[in-house]
C-alpha atoms as a PDB file:
ATOM      1  CA  UNK A   1      20.834  34.368  -8.439  1.00  0.00           C
ATOM      2  CA  UNK A   2      21.406  30.848  -7.130  1.00  0.00           C
ATOM      3  CA  UNK A   3      18.151  29.295  -8.294  1.00  0.00           C
ATOM      4  CA  UNK A   4      19.984  27.048 -10.785  1.00  0.00           C
ATOM      5  CA  UNK A   5      22.387  25.545  -8.226  1.00  0.00           C
ATOM      6  CA  UNK A   6      21.416  21.965  -7.552  1.00  0.00           C
ATOM      7  CA  UNK A   7      22.474  19.491  -4.924  1.00  0.00           C
ATOM      8  CA  UNK A   8      25.385  18.155  -6.981  1.00  0.00           C
ATOM      9  CA  UNK A   9      26.830  21.588  -7.611  1.00  0.00           C
ATOM     10  CA  UNK A  10      26.475  22.507  -3.952  1.00  0.00           C
ATOM     11  CA  UNK A  11      28.282  19.315  -2.938  1.00  0.00           C
ATOM     12  CA  UNK A  12      31.181  20.091  -5.315  1.00  0.00           C
ATOM     13  CA  UNK A  13      31.456  23.634  -3.915  1.00  0.00           C
ATOM     14  CA  UNK A  14      31.505  22.345  -0.333  1.00  0.00           C
ATOM     15  CA  UNK A  15      34.149  19.751  -1.182  1.00  0.00           C
ATOM     16  CA  UNK A  16      36.344  22.405  -2.816  1.00  0.00           C
ATOM     17  CA  UNK A  17      36.042  24.627   0.246  1.00  0.00           C
ATOM     18  CA  UNK A  18      36.958  21.667   2.450  1.00  0.00           C
ATOM     19  CA  UNK A  19      40.029  20.886   0.321  1.00  0.00           C
ATOM     20  CA  UNK A  20      41.248  24.495   0.197  1.00  0.00           C
ATOM     21  CA  UNK A  21      40.698  25.426   3.838  1.00  0.00           C
ATOM     22  CA  UNK A  22      40.758  22.110   5.667  1.00  0.00           C
ATOM     23  CA  UNK A  23      38.394  20.791   8.311  1.00  0.00           C
ATOM     24  CA  UNK A  24      39.954  22.782  11.156  1.00  0.00           C
ATOM     25  CA  UNK A  25      39.379  26.147   9.472  1.00  0.00           C
ATOM     26  CA  UNK A  26      35.746  25.568   8.378  1.00  0.00           C
ATOM     27  CA  UNK A  27      34.047  26.410  11.709  1.00  0.00           C
ATOM     28  CA  UNK A  28      35.940  29.698  11.920  1.00  0.00           C
ATOM     29  CA  UNK A  29      35.016  30.560   8.325  1.00  0.00           C
ATOM     30  CA  UNK A  30      31.352  29.761   8.957  1.00  0.00           C
ATOM     31  CA  UNK A  31      31.357  31.845  12.148  1.00  0.00           C
ATOM     32  CA  UNK A  32      32.898  34.847  10.385  1.00  0.00           C
ATOM     33  CA  UNK A  33      30.489  34.496   7.469  1.00  0.00           C
ATOM     34  CA  UNK A  34      27.560  34.465   9.896  1.00  0.00           C
ATOM     35  CA  UNK A  35      28.851  37.576  11.653  1.00  0.00           C
ATOM     36  CA  UNK A  36      29.275  39.367   8.337  1.00  0.00           C
ATOM     37  CA  UNK A  37      25.762  38.502   7.206  1.00  0.00           C
ATOM     38  CA  UNK A  38      24.339  39.616  10.557  1.00  0.00           C
ATOM     39  CA  UNK A  39      26.176  42.953  10.371  1.00  0.00           C
ATOM     40  CA  UNK A  40      24.954  43.473   6.807  1.00  0.00           C
ATOM     41  CA  UNK A  41      21.345  42.759   7.816  1.00  0.00           C
ATOM     42  CA  UNK A  42      21.623  45.132  10.787  1.00  0.00           C
ATOM     43  CA  UNK A  43      23.009  47.872   8.541  1.00  0.00           C
ATOM     44  CA  UNK A  44      20.220  47.342   6.005  1.00  0.00           C
ATOM     45  CA  UNK A  45      17.603  47.439   8.768  1.00  0.00           C
ATOM     46  CA  UNK A  46      19.113  50.668  10.085  1.00  0.00           C
ATOM     47  CA  UNK A  47      19.053  52.247   6.639  1.00  0.00           C
ATOM     48  CA  UNK A  48      15.422  51.204   6.141  1.00  0.00           C
ATOM     49  CA  UNK A  49      14.492  52.725   9.507  1.00  0.00           C
ATOM     50  CA  UNK A  50      16.294  55.958   8.596  1.00  0.00           C
ATOM     51  CA  UNK A  51      14.463  56.145   5.272  1.00  0.00           C
ATOM     52  CA  UNK A  52      11.114  55.516   6.971  1.00  0.00           C
ATOM     53  CA  UNK A  53      11.845  58.216   9.547  1.00  0.00           C
ATOM     54  CA  UNK A  54      12.866  60.748   6.898  1.00  0.00           C
ATOM     55  CA  UNK A  55       9.802  60.086   4.767  1.00  0.00           C
ATOM     56  CA  UNK A  56       7.574  60.278   7.842  1.00  0.00           C
ATOM     57  CA  UNK A  57       9.146  63.615   8.836  1.00  0.00           C
ATOM     58  CA  UNK A  58       8.706  64.851   5.273  1.00  0.00           C
ATOM     59  CA  UNK A  59       5.015  63.873   5.329  1.00  0.00           C
ATOM     60  CA  UNK A  60       4.537  65.564   8.719  1.00  0.00           C
ATOM     61  CA  UNK A  61       6.034  68.872   7.524  1.00  0.00           C
ATOM     62  CA  UNK A  62       3.875  69.165   4.390  1.00  0.00           C
ATOM     63  CA  UNK A  63       0.945  71.535   4.804  1.00  0.00           C
ATOM     64  CA  UNK A  64      -2.413  69.808   4.775  1.00  0.00           C
ATOM     65  CA  UNK A  65      -5.104  71.283   2.566  1.00  0.00           C
END
């Protein structure tokens, strides 16, 4: 998705964020973004574990020939 974003484009994006939110708000934004990403990863990991458990239970309940 972001494979075509180069260093120049990234610098422009960071400067725009700095202008819109100011230097005092950036640490809070970064902290909240990190928390959101962590929660998303935890939810994805939980869903993957649930799927693995369900498929394992399904395999265990099938009769073996």
